Amino acid sequence: MASETEKQTIILKQFIMKRNLITFIAFSAFLTVGSVACYGQVTINQPASIAELMELKKEVARNESAYQVQVYNGNINDANRVLLELKNSQKNQPVSLVFESPNYKVRLGSFRTRLEAEKNLLEIKKTYPAAFVVGLKQ
């Protein structure tokens, strides 16, 4: 026959189990109600001009370049020679001659990311080992 202490222990364990069950059910109900509230519909009302401006901004961003590969830096005669060499060998890339006092700089390409410029730099360095990537001022 169970003693009084054993009966109290059994009653206490049953109480704890019921409390845990009620807590679990309440917590599950809370999560369910919370997740149902996450599903909704958002309607954005904006003028058509905003959509046009966003498209224009995307188009401009596609055409912007932030990096070039600088191949030469020095006097005008050598700069023109390098410019012609690059125009003949790199027909798929734009080549430009820039004057920044007191030097002329020959730059190649028009890259949106530094990674693109670095990839092209690996090929250019085979012919022009002093070449490096420059960031353009925005």
Protein backbone atom coordinates (compact mmCIF):
# COMPACT_ATOMS: atom_id res chain seq x y z
CA MET A 1 0.00 0.00 0.00
CA ALA A 2 1.32 3.40 -0.98
CA SER A 3 2.27 5.77 1.74
CA GLU A 4 0.99 9.31 2.05
CA THR A 5 4.26 10.75 0.63
CA GLU A 6 4.06 8.53 -2.47
CA LYS A 7 0.46 9.65 -3.11
CA GLN A 8 1.48 13.29 -2.84
CA THR A 9 4.39 12.67 -5.24
CA ILE A 10 2.04 11.07 -7.79
CA ILE A 11 -0.44 13.95 -7.49
CA LEU A 12 2.40 16.48 -7.90
CA LYS A 13 3.71 14.69 -11.03
CA GLN A 14 0.20 14.64 -12.53
CA PHE A 15 -0.19 18.34 -11.80
CA ILE A 16 3.16 19.14 -13.45
CA MET A 17 2.27 17.05 -16.52
CA LYS A 18 -1.11 18.82 -16.87
CA ARG A 19 0.57 22.23 -16.49
CA ASN A 20 3.17 21.34 -19.15
CA LEU A 21 0.44 20.08 -21.49
CA ILE A 22 -1.61 23.26 -21.08
CA THR A 23 1.51 25.39 -21.63
CA PHE A 24 2.37 23.43 -24.79
CA ILE A 25 -1.17 23.80 -26.18
CA ALA A 26 -1.24 27.53 -25.42
CA PHE A 27 2.17 28.04 -27.03
CA SER A 28 1.15 26.06 -30.14
CA ALA A 29 -2.05 28.07 -30.47
CA PHE A 30 -0.07 31.30 -30.17
CA LEU A 31 2.32 30.22 -32.94
CA THR A 32 -0.54 29.18 -35.19
CA VAL A 33 -2.38 32.46 -34.75
CA GLY A 34 0.86 34.39 -35.29
CA SER A 35 1.65 32.59 -38.53
CA VAL A 36 -1.85 33.10 -39.91
CA ALA A 37 -1.44 36.82 -39.39
CA CYS A 38 1.64 36.79 -41.67
CA TYR A 39 -0.39 36.13 -44.78
CA GLY A 40 -1.72 39.32 -46.23
CA GLN A 41 -1.91 41.31 -49.38
CA VAL A 42 -0.12 44.58 -49.95
CA THR A 43 -1.25 46.90 -52.70
CA ILE A 44 1.11 49.65 -53.82
CA ASN A 45 -0.52 52.61 -55.49
CA GLN A 46 1.97 54.78 -57.33
CA PRO A 47 1.86 57.08 -60.31
CA ALA A 48 3.02 55.68 -63.65
CA SER A 49 5.81 58.27 -63.72
CA ILE A 50 7.47 56.54 -60.74
CA ALA A 51 7.66 53.25 -62.65
CA GLU A 52 9.10 55.07 -65.67
CA LEU A 53 11.74 56.74 -63.50
CA MET A 54 12.70 53.40 -61.95
CA GLU A 55 13.18 51.87 -65.41
CA LEU A 56 15.25 54.86 -66.50
CA LYS A 57 17.43 54.52 -63.40
CA LYS A 58 17.99 50.82 -64.13
CA GLU A 59 18.98 51.63 -67.72
CA VAL A 60 21.46 54.30 -66.62
CA ALA A 61 22.95 51.96 -64.01
CA ARG A 62 23.45 49.28 -66.69
CA ASN A 63 25.45 51.71 -68.81
CA GLU A 64 27.54 53.18 -65.99
CA SER A 65 31.09 52.09 -65.54
CA ALA A 66 32.98 52.40 -62.31
CA TYR A 67 36.32 50.78 -63.22
CA GLN A 68 38.88 50.75 -66.02
CA VAL A 69 42.28 49.16 -66.54
CA GLN A 70 45.05 51.74 -66.80
CA VAL A 71 47.65 50.41 -69.20
CA TYR A 72 50.03 53.34 -69.65
CA ASN A 73 51.02 56.56 -67.88
CA GLY A 74 53.58 58.90 -69.47
CA ASN A 75 54.34 61.12 -72.47
CA ILE A 76 52.01 61.77 -75.40
CA ASN A 77 54.04 59.91 -78.04
CA ASP A 78 54.20 56.63 -76.13
CA ALA A 79 50.59 57.07 -75.03
CA ASN A 80 49.44 57.34 -78.66
CA ARG A 81 51.49 54.27 -79.59
CA VAL A 82 49.94 52.20 -76.77
CA LEU A 83 46.49 53.57 -77.65
CA LEU A 84 46.81 52.36 -81.26
CA GLU A 85 48.15 48.97 -80.16
CA LEU A 86 45.21 48.48 -77.81
CA LYS A 87 42.63 49.63 -80.36
CA ASN A 88 43.96 47.01 -82.77
CA SER A 89 44.24 44.17 -80.24
CA GLN A 90 41.22 44.90 -78.00
CA LYS A 91 38.47 45.61 -80.50
CA ASN A 92 35.71 44.53 -78.10
CA GLN A 93 36.78 47.01 -75.36
CA PRO A 94 36.69 50.81 -75.47
CA VAL A 95 40.13 52.44 -75.21
CA SER A 96 40.59 56.03 -74.08
CA LEU A 97 43.37 58.58 -73.72
CA VAL A 98 43.12 60.78 -70.62
CA PHE A 99 45.28 63.77 -69.78
CA GLU A 100 45.94 64.39 -66.11
CA SER A 101 48.72 66.90 -65.76
CA PRO A 102 51.55 66.21 -66.44
CA ASN A 103 50.91 62.73 -67.86
CA TYR A 104 48.80 61.05 -70.49
CA LYS A 105 47.03 57.87 -69.43
CA VAL A 106 45.74 55.09 -71.63
CA ARG A 107 42.77 53.27 -70.14
CA LEU A 108 40.95 50.21 -71.34
CA GLY A 109 37.43 48.96 -70.80
CA SER A 110 34.31 50.08 -69.02
CA PHE A 111 33.53 47.75 -66.13
CA ARG A 112 30.69 47.94 -63.63
CA THR A 113 32.45 45.90 -60.94
CA ARG A 114 36.03 45.65 -59.77
CA LEU A 115 35.83 41.88 -60.28
CA GLU A 116 35.15 42.31 -64.00
CA ALA A 117 38.07 44.73 -64.29
CA GLU A 118 40.43 42.39 -62.40
CA LYS A 119 39.47 39.51 -64.69
CA ASN A 120 40.37 41.58 -67.77
CA LEU A 121 43.53 42.83 -66.04
CA LEU A 122 44.93 39.28 -65.93
CA GLU A 123 44.92 39.15 -69.74
CA ILE A 124 46.28 42.68 -70.19
CA LYS A 125 49.17 42.09 -67.77
CA LYS A 126 50.58 39.48 -70.16
CA THR A 127 51.40 42.29 -72.59
CA TYR A 128 51.51 45.30 -70.24
CA PRO A 129 52.85 44.15 -66.83
CA ALA A 130 52.50 47.63 -65.28
CA ALA A 131 48.73 47.75 -65.90
CA PHE A 132 46.37 48.13 -62.94
CA VAL A 133 42.69 48.72 -62.15
CA VAL A 134 41.49 52.26 -61.47
CA GLY A 135 38.18 53.32 -59.99
CA LEU A 136 36.43 56.15 -61.77
CA LYS A 137 35.10 59.11 -59.80
CA GLN A 138 31.31 59.16 -59.79
